[in-house]
Amino acid sequence: MLILTIILLLLAIVSFFIFTVLSRSLAKEGYDTGSRRVKRFRIVIPVVFILILACILIFSGLHIIDSTEIGVVRNFGEIDRQIGSGLNMVNPISETVTIYDLRVHVGNEAFASYTRDAQPLTASIEYQYSLNPAEVLDVAREYGSYEVLETKLANVVQERAKIVFARYSAMTLLENRSNLSTEVAAEVEELEELYHITFSSVIVQDIDFSDAFEQSVEQKMIAEQEALRAEQEKQTAIIQAERDAEVAEIEAQAAIAQAEGEAEAMRITREALQNMPEAYIQQLYLEKWDGKLPTVMAGDGTGILLNPDIANADDLS
């Protein structure tokens, strides 16, 4: 803009000088250079250039700032002030405006790193951040442009994530995967004051180890699963053996009880036979008797009634 202004001023001066020289030349040749038309023409041309220059200066000094942006004004290259959203007027000759975006920016970084036990890995991180509006002038003074800030921020975020990865062994890192994003976020949040930004999100999206390590992890998992299955089978066998032992014990106790019962019954029977054999035989008869009185015909046809009372059988006959 400054160059354009200088060019227009030079054109106005040169045009005035050319008409002045031309008027003098024409006067020497006898032309009436003092006529009103020539004088007017000599004045109008520079005025036109000046008016054009004024319009250009006015319109070039107008700056419309969006509500999601902040403008930083430099006066001859030196940072002077910041301007907010809306229509703003600056001096187009000495002042320039640099726009800084206040919206949330998203960064994605993929990098290689190492764990505490020297296992190589590759990781990718997504982080979201935005400028602090009150500190935009500090960003302009320290980093110049937003692009420089983003480049430095990307590098330092990688380094902070590598610090977190280096705290853990490879297996521990896998086991604590759910907490990894939180730890990386806590680490990079320490950069907010230095870079005049606010992080809204930090996510560890992916972690890849070497093929050899992944194969060893897979083999370890298979071995653990087999050991777990063997332990489960062992516990099942133990439970089944205990159950079988309980059943056997119950059956043995039942057999013992049955044998003791039979022995007791035999003892009672023996004692009954020894002490009162007739009563015992009568009891057996009654237990087997179906309630019918049999009739036996013998001799001359006289009926003999058999009484279950065996002890008095001789009296009835």
Foldseek 3Di string as FASTA:
>chain_A
DQVVLVVLLVVLVVLLVVLVVVLVVCVVVPDCCVDPVSVVVSVVVSVVSVVVSVVVQFVLQKDAAAQQKKKFKDFQNHTDDIDHHGIDGDGNNGIDIDIDGFDKDKDKDWDWAAEQVGFIKIWIKIWIKGADVVCVVVLCVPQNDVVSLVVVLRVVLVVLLRVLRHVHHPVVCVVCVVCSQVSSVVRSQVCCVVSRMGIPGMDTDDMGTDPVVVVVVVVVVVVVVVVVVVVVVVVVVVVVVVVVVVVVVVVVVVVVVVVVVVVVVVVVVVVCCVPPVLVVVLVVCVVPDPPDWDWDQDDPRDIQTQDSNVVCRVVRD
